[in-house]
PDB file of N, CA and C in Angstrom:
ATOM      1  N   ALA A   1      87.214 103.262  87.823  1.00  0.00           N
ATOM      2  CA  ALA A   1      87.700 103.763  89.103  1.00  0.00           C
ATOM      3  C   ALA A   1      89.015 103.091  89.453  1.00  0.00           C
ATOM      4  N   ALA A   2      89.876 103.816  90.115  1.00  0.00           N
ATOM      5  CA  ALA A   2      91.177 103.276  90.513  1.00  0.00           C
ATOM      6  C   ALA A   2      91.019 102.029  91.368  1.00  0.00           C
ATOM      7  N   THR A   3      89.931 101.954  92.127  1.00  0.00           N
ATOM      8  CA  THR A   3      89.731 100.796  93.007  1.00  0.00           C
ATOM      9  C   THR A   3      89.562  99.501  92.229  1.00  0.00           C
ATOM     10  N   ASN A   4      89.198  99.581  90.968  1.00  0.00           N
ATOM     11  CA  ASN A   4      89.013  98.392  90.146  1.00  0.00           C
ATOM     12  C   ASN A   4      90.146  98.178  89.148  1.00  0.00           C
ATOM     13  N   ALA A   5      91.156  99.039  89.141  1.00  0.00           N
ATOM     14  CA  ALA A   5      92.205  98.998  88.128  1.00  0.00           C
ATOM     15  C   ALA A   5      93.363  98.063  88.464  1.00  0.00           C
ATOM     16  N   PHE A   6      93.451  97.597  89.704  1.00  0.00           N
ATOM     17  CA  PHE A   6      94.590  96.797  90.135  1.00  0.00           C
ATOM     18  C   PHE A   6      94.123  95.536  90.847  1.00  0.00           C
ATOM     19  N   PRO A   7      94.884  94.443  90.700  1.00  0.00           N
ATOM     20  CA  PRO A   7      94.531  93.226  91.447  1.00  0.00           C
ATOM     21  C   PRO A   7      94.619  93.480  92.949  1.00  0.00           C
ATOM     22  N   GLN A   8      93.702  92.895  93.695  1.00  0.00           N
ATOM     23  CA  GLN A   8      93.709  93.077  95.150  1.00  0.00           C
ATOM     24  C   GLN A   8      94.982  92.540  95.780  1.00  0.00           C
ATOM     25  N   SER A   9      95.678  91.639  95.088  1.00  0.00           N
ATOM     26  CA  SER A   9      96.935  91.116  95.620  1.00  0.00           C
ATOM     27  C   SER A   9      98.057  92.149  95.543  1.00  0.00           C
ATOM     28  N   ASP A  10      97.893  93.184  94.702  1.00  0.00           N
ATOM     29  CA  ASP A  10      98.927  94.210  94.539  1.00  0.00           C
ATOM     30  C   ASP A  10      98.640  95.493  95.305  1.00  0.00           C
ATOM     31  N   VAL A  11      97.363  95.858  95.404  1.00  0.00           N
ATOM     32  CA  VAL A  11      96.985  97.148  95.981  1.00  0.00           C
ATOM     33  C   VAL A  11      95.775  96.959  96.896  1.00  0.00           C
ATOM     34  N   LEU A  12      95.840  97.549  98.065  1.00  0.00           N
ATOM     35  CA  LEU A  12      94.718  97.524  99.000  1.00  0.00           C
ATOM     36  C   LEU A  12      94.153  98.933  99.115  1.00  0.00           C
ATOM     37  N   PHE A  13      92.892  99.086  98.772  1.00  0.00           N
ATOM     38  CA  PHE A  13      92.215 100.367  98.912  1.00  0.00           C
ATOM     39  C   PHE A  13      91.367 100.326 100.171  1.00  0.00           C
ATOM     40  N   VAL A  14      91.534 101.327 101.016  1.00  0.00           N
ATOM     41  CA  VAL A  14      90.717 101.458 102.216  1.00  0.00           C
ATOM     42  C   VAL A  14      90.184 102.883 102.241  1.00  0.00           C
ATOM     43  N   ALA A  15      88.880 103.008 102.193  1.00  0.00           N
ATOM     44  CA  ALA A  15      88.258 104.321 102.305  1.00  0.00           C
ATOM     45  C   ALA A  15      87.985 104.579 103.781  1.00  0.00           C
ATOM     46  N   VAL A  16      88.194 105.796 104.195  1.00  0.00           N
ATOM     47  CA  VAL A  16      87.864 106.183 105.565  1.00  0.00           C
ATOM     48  C   VAL A  16      86.755 107.215 105.465  1.00  0.00           C
ATOM     49  N   ASN A  17      85.606 106.869 106.008  1.00  0.00           N
ATOM     50  CA  ASN A  17      84.460 107.757 105.940  1.00  0.00           C
ATOM     51  C   ASN A  17      84.383 108.586 107.210  1.00  0.00           C
ATOM     52  N   LEU A  18      84.160 109.857 107.031  1.00  0.00           N
ATOM     53  CA  LEU A  18      84.144 110.789 108.154  1.00  0.00           C
ATOM     54  C   LEU A  18      82.721 111.059 108.625  1.00  0.00           C
ATOM     55  N   GLN A  19      82.368 110.499 109.759  1.00  0.00           N
ATOM     56  CA  GLN A  19      81.166 110.828 110.523  1.00  0.00           C
ATOM     57  C   GLN A  19      79.840 110.598 109.803  1.00  0.00           C
ATOM     58  N   GLU A  20      79.755 109.556 108.962  1.00  0.00           N
ATOM     59  CA  GLU A  20      78.476 109.163 108.379  1.00  0.00           C
ATOM     60  C   GLU A  20      78.125 107.765 108.878  1.00  0.00           C
ATOM     61  N   THR A  21      76.877 107.380 108.689  1.00  0.00           N
ATOM     62  CA  THR A  21      76.433 106.069 109.155  1.00  0.00           C
ATOM     63  C   THR A  21      76.836 104.985 108.152  1.00  0.00           C
ATOM     64  N   SER A  22      76.842 103.751 108.621  1.00  0.00           N
ATOM     65  CA  SER A  22      77.179 102.638 107.733  1.00  0.00           C
ATOM     66  C   SER A  22      76.157 102.511 106.601  1.00  0.00           C
ATOM     67  N   ASP A  23      74.895 102.831 106.854  1.00  0.00           N
ATOM     68  CA  ASP A  23      73.882 102.793 105.793  1.00  0.00           C
ATOM     69  C   ASP A  23      74.167 103.834 104.715  1.00  0.00           C
ATOM     70  N   GLN A  24      74.566 105.029 105.113  1.00  0.00           N
ATOM     71  CA  GLN A  24      74.909 106.075 104.144  1.00  0.00           C
ATOM     72  C   GLN A  24      76.105 105.647 103.298  1.00  0.00           C
ATOM     73  N   VAL A  25      77.095 105.053 103.934  1.00  0.00           N
ATOM     74  CA  VAL A  25      78.294 104.603 103.225  1.00  0.00           C
ATOM     75  C   VAL A  25      77.937 103.487 102.242  1.00  0.00           C
ATOM     76  N   ARG A  26      77.165 102.525 102.686  1.00  0.00           N
ATOM     77  CA  ARG A  26      76.763 101.402 101.832  1.00  0.00           C
ATOM     78  C   ARG A  26      76.027 101.913 100.592  1.00  0.00           C
ATOM     79  N   THR A  27      75.108 102.842 100.770  1.00  0.00           N
ATOM     80  CA  THR A  27      74.362 103.415  99.645  1.00  0.00           C
ATOM     81  C   THR A  27      75.300 104.109  98.669  1.00  0.00           C
ATOM     82  N   PHE A  28      76.233 104.902  99.182  1.00  0.00           N
ATOM     83  CA  PHE A  28      77.192 105.606  98.329  1.00  0.00           C
ATOM     84  C   PHE A  28      78.025 104.616  97.515  1.00  0.00           C
ATOM     85  N   LEU A  29      78.540 103.570  98.163  1.00  0.00           N
ATOM     86  CA  LEU A  29      79.361 102.582  97.469  1.00  0.00           C
ATOM     87  C   LEU A  29      78.575 101.897  96.359  1.00  0.00           C
ATOM     88  N   GLN A  30      77.320 101.584  96.621  1.00  0.00           N
ATOM     89  CA  GLN A  30      76.479 100.951  95.602  1.00  0.00           C
ATOM     90  C   GLN A  30      76.219 101.899  94.441  1.00  0.00           C
ATOM     91  N   GLU A  31      75.909 103.152  94.736  1.00  0.00           N
ATOM     92  CA  GLU A  31      75.623 104.138  93.684  1.00  0.00           C
ATOM     93  C   GLU A  31      76.832 104.374  92.793  1.00  0.00           C
ATOM     94  N   LYS A  32      78.029 104.347  93.365  1.00  0.00           N
ATOM     95  CA  LYS A  32      79.262 104.625  92.618  1.00  0.00           C
ATOM     96  C   LYS A  32      79.953 103.358  92.114  1.00  0.00           C
ATOM     97  N   SER A  33      79.363 102.198  92.383  1.00  0.00           N
ATOM     98  CA  SER A  33      79.935 100.903  91.990  1.00  0.00           C
ATOM     99  C   SER A  33      81.370 100.745  92.484  1.00  0.00           C
ATOM    100  N   LEU A  34      81.590 101.108  93.729  1.00  0.00           N
ATOM    101  CA  LEU A  34      82.916 100.992  94.332  1.00  0.00           C
ATOM    102  C   LEU A  34      82.984  99.734  95.177  1.00  0.00           C
ATOM    103  N   ASP A  35      84.120  99.065  95.097  1.00  0.00           N
ATOM    104  CA  ASP A  35      84.327  97.844  95.867  1.00  0.00           C
ATOM    105  C   ASP A  35      85.631  97.984  96.643  1.00  0.00           C
ATOM    106  N   CYS A  36      85.517  98.481  97.859  1.00  0.00           N
ATOM    107  CA  CYS A  36      86.705  98.619  98.700  1.00  0.00           C
ATOM    108  C   CYS A  36      86.285  98.557 100.164  1.00  0.00           C
ATOM    109  N   ALA A  37      87.260  98.280 100.999  1.00  0.00           N
ATOM    110  CA  ALA A  37      87.005  98.272 102.440  1.00  0.00           C
ATOM    111  C   ALA A  37      86.758  99.701 102.905  1.00  0.00           C
ATOM    112  N   VAL A  38      85.901  99.855 103.892  1.00  0.00           N
ATOM    113  CA  VAL A  38      85.608 101.185 104.430  1.00  0.00           C
ATOM    114  C   VAL A  38      85.705 101.146 105.950  1.00  0.00           C
ATOM    115  N   ALA A  39      86.494 102.057 106.485  1.00  0.00           N
ATOM    116  CA  ALA A  39      86.564 102.250 107.933  1.00  0.00           C
ATOM    117  C   ALA A  39      85.723 103.474 108.270  1.00  0.00           C
ATOM    118  N   LEU A  40      84.955 103.381 109.326  1.00  0.00           N
ATOM    119  CA  LEU A  40      84.118 104.508 109.744  1.00  0.00           C
ATOM    120  C   LEU A  40      84.853 105.301 110.815  1.00  0.00           C
ATOM    121  N   ASP A  41      85.093 106.569 110.530  1.00  0.00           N
ATOM    122  CA  ASP A  41      85.784 107.461 111.469  1.00  0.00           C
ATOM    123  C   ASP A  41      84.729 108.327 112.146  1.00  0.00           C
ATOM    124  N   ARG A  42      84.014 107.733 113.060  1.00  0.00           N
ATOM    125  CA  ARG A  42      82.891 108.438 113.694  1.00  0.00           C
ATOM    126  C   ARG A  42      83.338 109.613 114.548  1.00  0.00           C
ATOM    127  N   SER A  43      84.509 109.523 115.157  1.00  0.00           N
ATOM    128  CA  SER A  43      84.978 110.590 116.045  1.00  0.00           C
ATOM    129  C   SER A  43      85.799 111.648 115.317  1.00  0.00           C
ATOM    130  N   GLY A  44      86.270 111.339 114.109  1.00  0.00           N
ATOM    131  CA  GLY A  44      87.126 112.278 113.387  1.00  0.00           C
ATOM    132  C   GLY A  44      88.597 112.144 113.741  1.00  0.00           C
ATOM    133  N   SER A  45      88.968 111.154 114.545  1.00  0.00           N
ATOM    134  CA  SER A  45      90.360 111.026 114.985  1.00  0.00           C
ATOM    135  C   SER A  45      91.300 110.619 113.852  1.00  0.00           C
ATOM    136  N   VAL A  46      90.831 109.777 112.930  1.00  0.00           N
ATOM    137  CA  VAL A  46      91.677 109.384 111.799  1.00  0.00           C
ATOM    138  C   VAL A  46      91.893 110.587 110.885  1.00  0.00           C
ATOM    139  N   ALA A  47      90.840 111.345 110.639  1.00  0.00           N
ATOM    140  CA  ALA A  47      90.962 112.555 109.818  1.00  0.00           C
ATOM    141  C   ALA A  47      91.961 113.525 110.438  1.00  0.00           C
ATOM    142  N   ALA A  48      91.932 113.653 111.747  1.00  0.00           N
ATOM    143  CA  ALA A  48      92.873 114.548 112.430  1.00  0.00           C
ATOM    144  C   ALA A  48      94.303 114.046 112.276  1.00  0.00           C
ATOM    145  N   GLN A  49      94.508 112.735 112.391  1.00  0.00           N
ATOM    146  CA  GLN A  49      95.858 112.169 112.272  1.00  0.00           C
ATOM    147  C   GLN A  49      96.447 112.407 110.887  1.00  0.00           C
ATOM    148  N   PHE A  50      95.610 112.330 109.862  1.00  0.00           N
ATOM    149  CA  PHE A  50      96.084 112.529 108.498  1.00  0.00           C
ATOM    150  C   PHE A  50      96.002 113.990 108.057  1.00  0.00           C
ATOM    151  N   GLY A  51      95.591 114.881 108.936  1.00  0.00           N
ATOM    152  CA  GLY A  51      95.542 116.300 108.607  1.00  0.00           C
ATOM    153  C   GLY A  51      94.538 116.633 107.524  1.00  0.00           C
ATOM    154  N   VAL A  52      93.394 115.984 107.550  1.00  0.00           N
ATOM    155  CA  VAL A  52      92.387 116.211 106.515  1.00  0.00           C
ATOM    156  C   VAL A  52      91.910 117.652 106.569  1.00  0.00           C
ATOM    157  N   SER A  53      92.050 118.332 105.415  1.00  0.00           N
ATOM    158  CA  SER A  53      91.639 119.729 105.331  1.00  0.00           C
ATOM    159  C   SER A  53      90.556 119.932 104.283  1.00  0.00           C
ATOM    160  N   GLY A  54      90.239 118.894 103.546  1.00  0.00           N
ATOM    161  CA  GLY A  54      89.213 118.961 102.517  1.00  0.00           C
ATOM    162  C   GLY A  54      88.829 117.550 102.114  1.00  0.00           C
ATOM    163  N   ILE A  55      87.707 117.434 101.437  1.00  0.00           N
ATOM    164  CA  ILE A  55      87.220 116.128 101.017  1.00  0.00           C
ATOM    165  C   ILE A  55      86.968 116.178  99.515  1.00  0.00           C
ATOM    166  N   PRO A  56      87.390 115.174  98.763  1.00  0.00           N
ATOM    167  CA  PRO A  56      88.117 113.998  99.224  1.00  0.00           C
ATOM    168  C   PRO A  56      89.569 114.321  99.576  1.00  0.00           C
ATOM    169  N   HIS A  57      90.105 113.514 100.435  1.00  0.00           N
ATOM    170  CA  HIS A  57      91.498 113.638 100.879  1.00  0.00           C
ATOM    171  C   HIS A  57      92.132 112.269 100.651  1.00  0.00           C
ATOM    172  N   THR A  58      92.972 112.170  99.642  1.00  0.00           N
ATOM    173  CA  THR A  58      93.555 110.891  99.256  1.00  0.00           C
ATOM    174  C   THR A  58      94.982 110.808  99.760  1.00  0.00           C
ATOM    175  N   VAL A  59      95.287 109.726 100.464  1.00  0.00           N
ATOM    176  CA  VAL A  59      96.635 109.472 100.963  1.00  0.00           C
ATOM    177  C   VAL A  59      97.052 108.111 100.435  1.00  0.00           C
ATOM    178  N   VAL A  60      98.193 108.063  99.754  1.00  0.00           N
ATOM    179  CA  VAL A  60      98.719 106.799  99.249  1.00  0.00           C
ATOM    180  C   VAL A  60      99.923 106.431 100.093  1.00  0.00           C
ATOM    181  N   LEU A  61      99.822 105.273 100.750  1.00  0.00           N
ATOM    182  CA  LEU A  61     100.920 104.771 101.570  1.00  0.00           C
ATOM    183  C   LEU A  61     101.660 103.696 100.797  1.00  0.00           C
ATOM    184  N   GLY A  62     102.982 103.771 100.831  1.00  0.00           N
ATOM    185  CA  GLY A  62     103.802 102.740 100.209  1.00  0.00           C
ATOM    186  C   GLY A  62     104.271 101.749 101.249  1.00  0.00           C
ATOM    187  N   HIS A  63     105.236 100.941 100.852  1.00  0.00           N
ATOM    188  CA  HIS A  63     105.809  99.959 101.775  1.00  0.00           C
ATOM    189  C   HIS A  63     106.369 100.662 102.999  1.00  0.00           C
ATOM    190  N   GLY A  64     106.189 100.057 104.142  1.00  0.00           N
ATOM    191  CA  GLY A  64     106.706 100.625 105.378  1.00  0.00           C
ATOM    192  C   GLY A  64     105.876 101.771 105.916  1.00  0.00           C
ATOM    193  N   GLY A  65     104.700 102.020 105.319  1.00  0.00           N
ATOM    194  CA  GLY A  65     103.841 103.088 105.809  1.00  0.00           C
ATOM    195  C   GLY A  65     104.285 104.478 105.410  1.00  0.00           C
ATOM    196  N   ILE A  66     105.178 104.587 104.426  1.00  0.00           N
ATOM    197  CA  ILE A  66     105.631 105.901 103.960  1.00  0.00           C
ATOM    198  C   ILE A  66     104.531 106.550 103.126  1.00  0.00           C
ATOM    199  N   VAL A  67     104.220 107.796 103.436  1.00  0.00           N
ATOM    200  CA  VAL A  67     103.238 108.542 102.649  1.00  0.00           C
ATOM    201  C   VAL A  67     103.897 108.913 101.325  1.00  0.00           C
ATOM    202  N   GLU A  68     103.374 108.370 100.252  1.00  0.00           N
ATOM    203  CA  GLU A  68     103.940 108.598  98.921  1.00  0.00           C
ATOM    204  C   GLU A  68     103.255 109.743  98.188  1.00  0.00           C
ATOM    205  N   LYS A  69     101.970 109.922  98.421  1.00  0.00           N
ATOM    206  CA  LYS A  69     101.219 110.945  97.678  1.00  0.00           C
ATOM    207  C   LYS A  69     100.022 111.387  98.502  1.00  0.00           C
ATOM    208  N   ILE A  70      99.752 112.677  98.456  1.00  0.00           N
ATOM    209  CA  ILE A  70      98.566 113.251  99.093  1.00  0.00           C
ATOM    210  C   ILE A  70      97.876 114.139  98.065  1.00  0.00           C
ATOM    211  N   LYS A  71      96.584 113.983  97.951  1.00  0.00           N
ATOM    212  CA  LYS A  71      95.793 114.834  97.057  1.00  0.00           C
ATOM    213  C   LYS A  71      94.545 115.267  97.803  1.00  0.00           C
ATOM    214  N   VAL A  72      94.320 116.564  97.857  1.00  0.00           N
ATOM    215  CA  VAL A  72      93.150 117.110  98.540  1.00  0.00           C
ATOM    216  C   VAL A  72      92.235 117.742  97.500  1.00  0.00           C
ATOM    217  N   GLY A  73      90.954 117.407  97.593  1.00  0.00           N
ATOM    218  CA  GLY A  73      89.976 117.990  96.685  1.00  0.00           C
ATOM    219  C   GLY A  73      89.733 117.114  95.467  1.00  0.00           C
ATOM    220  N   TYR A  74      88.746 117.488  94.703  1.00  0.00           N
ATOM    221  CA  TYR A  74      88.351 116.726  93.520  1.00  0.00           C
ATOM    222  C   TYR A  74      88.735 117.486  92.265  1.00  0.00           C
ATOM    223  N   HIS A  75      89.155 116.749  91.261  1.00  0.00           N
ATOM    224  CA  HIS A  75      89.261 117.292  89.913  1.00  0.00           C
ATOM    225  C   HIS A  75      88.988 116.139  88.949  1.00  0.00           C
ATOM    226  N   PRO A  76      88.559 116.425  87.732  1.00  0.00           N
ATOM    227  CA  PRO A  76      88.128 115.376  86.808  1.00  0.00           C
ATOM    228  C   PRO A  76      89.186 114.307  86.514  1.00  0.00           C
ATOM    229  N   GLN A  77      90.452 114.654  86.578  1.00  0.00           N
ATOM    230  CA  GLN A  77      91.530 113.707  86.283  1.00  0.00           C
ATOM    231  C   GLN A  77      92.020 112.955  87.517  1.00  0.00           C
ATOM    232  N   ALA A  78      91.389 113.145  88.661  1.00  0.00           N
ATOM    233  CA  ALA A  78      91.888 112.571  89.914  1.00  0.00           C
ATOM    234  C   ALA A  78      92.062 111.061  89.833  1.00  0.00           C
ATOM    235  N   GLY A  79      91.088 110.361  89.290  1.00  0.00           N
ATOM    236  CA  GLY A  79      91.178 108.906  89.195  1.00  0.00           C
ATOM    237  C   GLY A  79      92.327 108.455  88.320  1.00  0.00           C
ATOM    238  N   LYS A  80      92.483 109.088  87.171  1.00  0.00           N
ATOM    239  CA  LYS A  80      93.583 108.745  86.253  1.00  0.00           C
ATOM    240  C   LYS A  80      94.934 109.058  86.886  1.00  0.00           C
ATOM    241  N   ASP A  81      95.034 110.205  87.560  1.00  0.00           N
ATOM    242  CA  ASP A  81      96.288 110.572  88.226  1.00  0.00           C
ATOM    243  C   ASP A  81      96.651 109.555  89.307  1.00  0.00           C
ATOM    244  N   LEU A  82      95.653 109.117  90.065  1.00  0.00           N
ATOM    245  CA  LEU A  82      95.882 108.131  91.117  1.00  0.00           C
ATOM    246  C   LEU A  82      96.338 106.802  90.514  1.00  0.00           C
ATOM    247  N   GLU A  83      95.659 106.361  89.457  1.00  0.00           N
ATOM    248  CA  GLU A  83      96.051 105.118  88.789  1.00  0.00           C
ATOM    249  C   GLU A  83      97.488 105.193  88.285  1.00  0.00           C
ATOM    250  N   GLN A  84      97.846 106.321  87.676  1.00  0.00           N
ATOM    251  CA  GLN A  84      99.199 106.488  87.140  1.00  0.00           C
ATOM    252  C   GLN A  84     100.239 106.430  88.257  1.00  0.00           C
ATOM    253  N   ALA A  85      99.991 107.119  89.354  1.00  0.00           N
ATOM    254  CA  ALA A  85     100.938 107.123  90.471  1.00  0.00           C
ATOM    255  C   ALA A  85     101.101 105.722  91.050  1.00  0.00           C
ATOM    256  N   ILE A  86      99.992 105.011  91.230  1.00  0.00           N
ATOM    257  CA  ILE A  86     100.069 103.655  91.783  1.00  0.00           C
ATOM    258  C   ILE A  86     100.812 102.734  90.826  1.00  0.00           C
ATOM    259  N   GLN A  87     100.527 102.843  89.534  1.00  0.00           N
ATOM    260  CA  GLN A  87     101.223 101.997  88.560  1.00  0.00           C
ATOM    261  C   GLN A  87     102.728 102.263  88.593  1.00  0.00           C
ATOM    262  N   GLN A  88     103.114 103.529  88.713  1.00  0.00           N
ATOM    263  CA  GLN A  88     104.537 103.861  88.805  1.00  0.00           C
ATOM    264  C   GLN A  88     105.160 103.265  90.063  1.00  0.00           C
ATOM    265  N   MET A  89     104.425 103.278  91.167  1.00  0.00           N
ATOM    266  CA  MET A  89     104.934 102.674  92.401  1.00  0.00           C
ATOM    267  C   MET A  89     105.128 101.175  92.222  1.00  0.00           C
ATOM    268  N   LEU A  90     104.166 100.527  91.570  1.00  0.00           N
ATOM    269  CA  LEU A  90     104.265  99.086  91.336  1.00  0.00           C
ATOM    270  C   LEU A  90     105.400  98.748  90.373  1.00  0.00           C
ATOM    271  N   ASP A  91     105.613  99.604  89.377  1.00  0.00           N
ATOM    272  CA  ASP A  91     106.664  99.381  88.380  1.00  0.00           C
ATOM    273  C   ASP A  91     108.052  99.757  88.881  1.00  0.00           C
ATOM    274  N   GLY A  92     108.104 100.486  89.999  1.00  0.00           N
ATOM    275  CA  GLY A  92     109.388 100.955  90.506  1.00  0.00           C
ATOM    276  C   GLY A  92     109.891 102.214  89.831  1.00  0.00           C
ATOM    277  N   THR A  93     109.002 102.929  89.136  1.00  0.00           N
ATOM    278  CA  THR A  93     109.410 104.161  88.453  1.00  0.00           C
ATOM    279  C   THR A  93     108.918 105.414  89.166  1.00  0.00           C
ATOM    280  N   TRP A  94     108.286 105.254  90.325  1.00  0.00           N
ATOM    281  CA  TRP A  94     107.762 106.383  91.095  1.00  0.00           C
ATOM    282  C   TRP A  94     108.921 107.216  91.622  1.00  0.00           C
ATOM    283  N   ASN A  95     108.829 108.526  91.491  1.00  0.00           N
ATOM    284  CA  ASN A  95     109.871 109.433  91.960  1.00  0.00           C
ATOM    285  C   ASN A  95     109.352 110.186  93.176  1.00  0.00           C
ATOM    286  N   ARG A  96     109.692 109.682  94.344  1.00  0.00           N
ATOM    287  CA  ARG A  96     109.209 110.289  95.589  1.00  0.00           C
ATOM    288  C   ARG A  96     109.688 111.734  95.728  1.00  0.00           C
ATOM    289  N   GLU A  97     110.846 112.062  95.169  1.00  0.00           N
ATOM    290  CA  GLU A  97     111.381 113.420  95.308  1.00  0.00           C
ATOM    291  C   GLU A  97     110.481 114.466  94.665  1.00  0.00           C
ATOM    292  N   GLN A  98     109.596 114.049  93.777  1.00  0.00           N
ATOM    293  CA  GLN A  98     108.676 115.000  93.154  1.00  0.00           C
ATOM    294  C   GLN A  98     107.527 115.375  94.077  1.00  0.00           C
ATOM    295  N   THR A  99     107.401 114.679  95.199  1.00  0.00           N
ATOM    296  CA  THR A  99     106.344 114.994  96.154  1.00  0.00           C
ATOM    297  C   THR A  99     106.887 115.933  97.211  1.00  0.00           C
ATOM    298  N   SER A 100     105.991 116.521  97.959  1.00  0.00           N
ATOM    299  CA  SER A 100     106.387 117.427  99.033  1.00  0.00           C
ATOM    300  C   SER A 100     107.198 116.680 100.080  1.00  0.00           C
ATOM    301  N   PRO A 101     108.299 117.255 100.576  1.00  0.00           N
ATOM    302  CA  PRO A 101     109.084 116.586 101.612  1.00  0.00           C
ATOM    303  C   PRO A 101     108.258 116.211 102.830  1.00  0.00           C
ATOM    304  N   SER A 102     107.234 116.975 103.140  1.00  0.00           N
ATOM    305  CA  SER A 102     106.430 116.676 104.320  1.00  0.00           C
ATOM    306  C   SER A 102     105.620 115.398 104.159  1.00  0.00           C
ATOM    307  N   THR A 103     105.472 114.905 102.918  1.00  0.00           N
ATOM    308  CA  THR A 103     104.708 113.673 102.719  1.00  0.00           C
ATOM    309  C   THR A 103     105.577 112.434 102.828  1.00  0.00           C
ATOM    310  N   ASN A 104     106.873 112.589 102.939  1.00  0.00           N
ATOM    311  CA  ASN A 104     107.765 111.438 102.950  1.00  0.00           C
ATOM    312  C   ASN A 104     108.046 110.928 104.353  1.00  0.00           C
ATOM    313  N   GLN A 105     107.077 110.989 105.210  1.00  0.00           N
ATOM    314  CA  GLN A 105     107.234 110.538 106.586  1.00  0.00           C
ATOM    315  C   GLN A 105     106.292 109.373 106.845  1.00  0.00           C
ATOM    316  N   PRO A 106     106.735 108.389 107.644  1.00  0.00           N
ATOM    317  CA  PRO A 106     105.807 107.311 107.992  1.00  0.00           C
ATOM    318  C   PRO A 106     104.682 107.842 108.872  1.00  0.00           C
ATOM    319  N   MET A 107     103.501 107.274 108.712  1.00  0.00           N
ATOM    320  CA  MET A 107     102.390 107.645 109.581  1.00  0.00           C
ATOM    321  C   MET A 107     102.600 106.985 110.931  1.00  0.00           C
ATOM    322  N   ARG A 108     102.182 107.641 111.962  1.00  0.00           N
ATOM    323  CA  ARG A 108     102.326 107.113 113.318  1.00  0.00           C
ATOM    324  C   ARG A 108     101.008 106.520 113.781  1.00  0.00           C
ATOM    325  N   ASP A 109     101.105 105.563 114.717  1.00  0.00           N
ATOM    326  CA  ASP A 109      99.900 104.951 115.290  1.00  0.00           C
ATOM    327  C   ASP A 109      99.160 105.945 116.140  1.00  0.00           C
TER     328      ASP A 109
END
């Protein structure tokens, strides 16, 4: 999983769970062997801020809170694609121009 592919000193993964209980989230993390911080979005306000239209909805933020990549939905290569994009960001070879212009905006509080 991408969450285990990078040192925690380089990349911070935060999952935002939409309207489930902490027990449900804990069980899911254990079943999938995931080790990341999880914020509970009980009201759906975080999902609304990020324009979540499907699940999973992956948002990669770079330095300064710039949205570098957005991926909606699941596909078998999703984890590998995410790892590759993050590695390119860390290496300085990421090409932001290849992403949608609408994703190149800082997120607001």
